[in-house]
Protein backbone atom coordinates (compact mmCIF):
# COMPACT_ATOMS: atom_id res chain seq x y z
CA UNK A 1 -7.05 -12.88 23.56
CA UNK A 2 -6.19 -9.65 23.24
CA UNK A 3 -5.01 -8.22 19.96
CA UNK A 4 -1.55 -7.16 19.96
CA UNK A 5 0.66 -4.37 18.08
CA UNK A 6 4.19 -5.36 16.99
CA UNK A 7 6.49 -3.31 15.01
CA UNK A 8 9.88 -3.97 13.51
CA UNK A 9 12.67 -1.26 12.31
CA UNK A 10 14.48 0.01 9.05
CA UNK A 11 17.01 2.26 8.01
CA UNK A 12 16.16 4.71 5.14
CA UNK A 13 18.66 5.00 2.22
CA UNK A 14 20.37 8.09 1.90
CA UNK A 15 18.26 11.01 0.80
CA UNK A 16 19.83 14.21 -0.38
CA UNK A 17 18.54 17.89 0.82
CA UNK A 18 16.89 16.52 4.01
CA UNK A 19 17.00 18.06 7.63
CA UNK A 20 16.00 16.51 10.74
CA UNK A 21 13.82 17.87 14.37
CA UNK A 22 16.10 17.29 17.22
CA UNK A 23 14.35 14.25 18.33
CA UNK A 24 15.32 12.65 15.21
CA UNK A 25 11.96 13.10 13.23
CA UNK A 26 12.59 13.84 9.32
CA UNK A 27 11.93 16.97 7.47
CA UNK A 28 12.42 16.21 3.90
CA UNK A 29 10.79 12.80 3.82
CA UNK A 30 7.26 11.78 2.80
CA UNK A 31 4.76 12.85 5.03
CA UNK A 32 4.01 9.42 6.11
CA UNK A 33 6.84 7.88 7.82
CA UNK A 34 5.32 4.42 7.48
CA UNK A 35 5.79 5.06 3.62
CA UNK A 36 9.87 5.68 4.17
CA UNK A 37 10.27 2.68 6.41
CA UNK A 38 8.15 0.25 3.69
CA UNK A 39 10.42 1.59 0.82
CA UNK A 40 13.92 0.48 3.40
CA UNK A 41 12.36 -2.58 4.60
CA UNK A 42 11.24 -3.65 1.34
CA UNK A 43 14.33 -6.40 0.63
CA UNK A 44 16.16 -9.78 0.83
CA UNK A 45 18.56 -10.30 3.40
CA UNK A 46 20.60 -13.11 4.24
CA UNK A 47 23.29 -14.66 7.19
CA UNK A 48 26.67 -15.82 6.54
CA UNK A 49 26.13 -19.72 6.33
CA UNK A 50 27.74 -21.60 8.82
CA UNK A 51 30.43 -24.28 8.27
CA UNK A 52 27.55 -26.99 7.29
CA UNK A 53 26.27 -24.74 4.67
CA UNK A 54 23.18 -23.52 6.79
CA UNK A 55 21.78 -20.00 6.90
CA UNK A 56 19.13 -17.79 7.08
CA UNK A 57 17.19 -15.77 4.52
CA UNK A 58 14.73 -13.11 4.99
CA UNK A 59 12.25 -11.93 2.50
CA UNK A 60 10.07 -9.10 2.46
CA UNK A 61 8.01 -7.59 -0.21
CA UNK A 62 4.62 -5.13 -0.25
CA UNK A 63 1.55 -6.34 -0.90
CA UNK A 64 -2.02 -5.04 -1.89
CA UNK A 65 -3.27 -2.39 1.14
CA UNK A 66 -5.85 -4.13 3.61
CA UNK A 67 -6.42 -1.31 5.73
CA UNK A 68 -4.66 1.87 7.00
CA UNK A 69 -1.14 1.92 6.30
CA UNK A 70 1.81 0.18 4.39
CA UNK A 71 1.40 -3.76 3.96
CA UNK A 72 4.41 -6.07 3.71
CA UNK A 73 4.87 -9.92 3.67
CA UNK A 74 7.59 -11.19 5.52
CA UNK A 75 8.81 -14.98 5.37
CA UNK A 76 12.48 -15.96 7.07
CA UNK A 77 14.03 -19.12 5.66
CA UNK A 78 16.64 -21.01 7.46
CA UNK A 79 18.58 -24.60 7.49
CA UNK A 80 20.45 -26.50 4.85
CA UNK A 81 19.31 -25.46 1.20
CA UNK A 82 17.14 -28.53 -0.76
CA UNK A 83 16.57 -28.40 -4.29
CA UNK A 84 14.37 -25.40 -4.39
CA UNK A 85 14.98 -23.65 -1.09
CA UNK A 86 15.24 -23.12 2.81
CA UNK A 87 12.74 -24.48 5.04
CA UNK A 88 10.43 -21.69 5.90
CA UNK A 89 9.93 -21.24 9.53
CA UNK A 90 8.36 -17.67 10.06
CA UNK A 91 5.74 -15.92 7.85
CA UNK A 92 3.73 -12.93 8.79
CA UNK A 93 2.23 -9.93 7.03
CA UNK A 94 3.32 -6.88 8.57
CA UNK A 95 1.41 -3.64 9.05
CA UNK A 96 2.88 -0.21 9.14
CA UNK A 97 1.10 2.70 10.78
CA UNK A 98 2.20 6.48 11.87
CA UNK A 99 2.58 5.95 15.50
CA UNK A 100 0.64 9.15 17.80
CA UNK A 101 3.64 11.49 18.87
CA UNK A 102 5.93 10.07 15.70
CA UNK A 103 7.76 6.98 14.72
CA UNK A 104 6.15 3.53 13.18
CA UNK A 105 4.42 1.11 14.82
CA UNK A 106 4.29 -2.25 13.21
CA UNK A 107 1.10 -4.48 13.82
CA UNK A 108 2.35 -8.26 13.14
CA UNK A 109 -0.31 -10.38 11.65
CA UNK A 110 -0.15 -14.16 11.32
CA UNK A 111 -1.65 -16.19 8.19
CA UNK A 112 -4.09 -19.01 9.26
CA UNK A 113 -2.43 -21.32 6.46
CA UNK A 114 0.83 -20.13 6.02
CA UNK A 115 1.72 -23.08 3.89
CA UNK A 116 -0.16 -21.55 1.06
CA UNK A 117 2.39 -18.60 0.77
CA UNK A 118 5.50 -20.19 1.44
CA UNK A 119 6.64 -20.19 -2.25
CA UNK A 120 6.64 -16.46 -2.49
CA UNK A 121 10.22 -15.81 -2.16
CA UNK A 122 10.95 -17.75 -5.47
CA UNK A 123 6.96 -16.55 -6.58
CA UNK A 124 5.68 -13.76 -5.50
CA UNK A 125 2.80 -13.57 -7.57
CA UNK A 126 0.98 -16.15 -4.86
CA UNK A 127 0.56 -13.32 -2.66
CA UNK A 128 -2.02 -11.78 -4.82
CA UNK A 129 -4.23 -14.36 -2.65
CA UNK A 130 -3.85 -12.97 0.66
CA UNK A 131 -6.81 -10.91 2.23
CA UNK A 132 -7.46 -9.99 5.18
CA UNK A 133 -9.82 -12.99 6.13
CA UNK A 134 -6.40 -15.09 6.02
CA UNK A 135 -5.14 -13.14 8.77
CA UNK A 136 -5.24 -13.15 12.47
CA UNK A 137 -3.69 -11.42 15.29
CA UNK A 138 -1.86 -13.45 18.26
CA UNK A 139 0.12 -11.61 20.21
CA UNK A 140 -1.10 -9.68 23.18
CA UNK A 141 -1.69 -5.55 23.45
CA UNK A 142 1.58 -3.94 24.75
CA UNK A 143 4.03 -5.85 22.62
CA UNK A 144 3.99 -3.25 19.69
CA UNK A 145 7.31 -2.38 18.40
CA UNK A 146 8.16 1.28 17.83
CA UNK A 147 10.44 2.46 14.98
CA UNK A 148 12.39 5.60 15.24
CA UNK A 149 14.47 7.39 12.64
CA UNK A 150 18.42 7.87 14.12
CA UNK A 151 19.71 10.64 11.38
CA UNK A 152 23.18 10.02 12.63
CA UNK A 153 23.88 6.12 12.24
CA UNK A 154 25.38 5.26 9.16
CA UNK A 155 24.15 6.31 5.56
CA UNK A 156 21.14 7.59 5.76
CA UNK A 157 20.57 7.32 9.15
CA UNK A 158 18.72 4.41 11.22
CA UNK A 159 15.72 2.97 11.97
CA UNK A 160 15.73 1.45 15.39
CA UNK A 161 12.80 -0.35 16.61
CA UNK A 162 12.05 -2.13 20.32
CA UNK A 163 9.38 -4.18 21.84
CA UNK A 164 9.51 -3.14 25.82
CA UNK A 165 9.62 -6.70 27.59
CA UNK A 166 7.83 -4.73 30.79
CA UNK A 167 5.23 -3.65 28.58
CA UNK A 168 5.16 -7.17 26.80
CA UNK A 169 4.39 -9.99 28.80
CA UNK A 170 2.80 -13.36 27.37
CA UNK A 171 1.66 -16.54 29.20
CA UNK A 172 4.28 -19.45 28.01
CA UNK A 173 2.58 -22.69 27.68
CA UNK A 174 6.44 -24.35 28.00
CA UNK A 175 6.80 -22.20 31.09
CA UNK A 176 3.74 -21.94 32.56
CA UNK A 177 3.68 -18.63 33.66
CA UNK A 178 3.60 -15.20 32.13
CA UNK A 179 7.02 -14.08 30.69
CA UNK A 180 8.06 -10.75 29.27
CA UNK A 181 9.08 -10.86 25.83
CA UNK A 182 11.38 -8.21 24.13
CA UNK A 183 13.21 -7.40 20.74
CA UNK A 184 16.06 -4.80 19.33
CA UNK A 185 16.00 -4.44 15.53
CA UNK A 186 18.64 -2.02 13.54
CA UNK A 187 17.91 -2.03 9.80
CA UNK A 188 20.39 -0.08 7.36
CA UNK A 189 21.03 0.10 3.58
CA UNK A 190 23.80 -2.70 4.56
CA UNK A 191 21.86 -4.78 6.56
CA UNK A 192 19.44 -5.95 9.50
CA UNK A 193 20.55 -6.48 13.00
CA UNK A 194 18.12 -8.33 15.39
CA UNK A 195 18.07 -9.61 18.78
CA UNK A 196 15.27 -11.42 20.38
CA UNK A 197 15.18 -12.24 24.47
CA UNK A 198 12.91 -13.49 27.19
CA UNK A 199 12.62 -12.89 30.52
CA UNK A 200 10.87 -13.45 33.55
CA UNK A 201 9.11 -10.67 35.31
CA UNK A 202 11.85 -10.26 37.70
CA UNK A 203 13.60 -9.01 34.46
CA UNK A 204 16.06 -12.28 34.33
CA UNK A 205 16.58 -13.18 30.68
CA UNK A 206 15.55 -16.90 29.90
CA UNK A 207 16.32 -17.23 26.74
CA UNK A 208 17.28 -15.48 23.57
CA UNK A 209 20.56 -13.15 22.19
CA UNK A 210 22.87 -12.57 24.86
CA UNK A 211 22.69 -9.04 26.52
CA UNK A 212 24.52 -6.37 23.95
CA UNK A 213 24.62 -8.93 20.85
CA UNK A 214 22.72 -8.99 17.43
CA UNK A 215 22.51 -11.41 14.92
CA UNK A 216 23.35 -9.86 11.43
CA UNK A 217 22.14 -10.39 7.99
CA UNK A 218 23.66 -8.33 4.81
CA UNK A 219 21.05 -7.33 2.20
CA UNK A 220 21.31 -9.19 -0.84
CA UNK A 221 18.85 -7.39 -3.10
């Protein structure tokens, strides 16, 4: 399977004394846009609970360098709260690198044994055991999500990310055919907006967030 690049986007906190290029690139932020994105991406986010008490909780914390760029452990828990925490259903390690032509690309790594790290939201020390041998690339080339900073939207601007479903196609075992995968993300000082969608190769949406809609999680830390 070909390696994949995947990206995520974030919104930087307000920074005094910054100016910008007309294309949205920051002047006055750190020279490395991946470092800027990593600062804002770090934190905890959560959706509003539904009537049954189910909610989504999102945890992101820096981990030690395992190569170029910035590295962040990402875990999403969902469902009703147990005696300790909600069930972990997505665990990844995100590598953020400056993209050619500006912005940031996020490479998403899967964990070979994710159960070893599921306690990280309440015990981040378990992440000290992560190394490159614990990771694997699972998506195909063309699925990178590219981040760009928009200084005009929100307090401190907004990082916007997108996976292009025309460029990102995978073979779906469930559907027995190739499909396109698309996503859009907005991350701000207040919270995280996300949309994930699947399409057939003619552009008809098969699953995911309705067109123009986002799921919302507020920043809680």
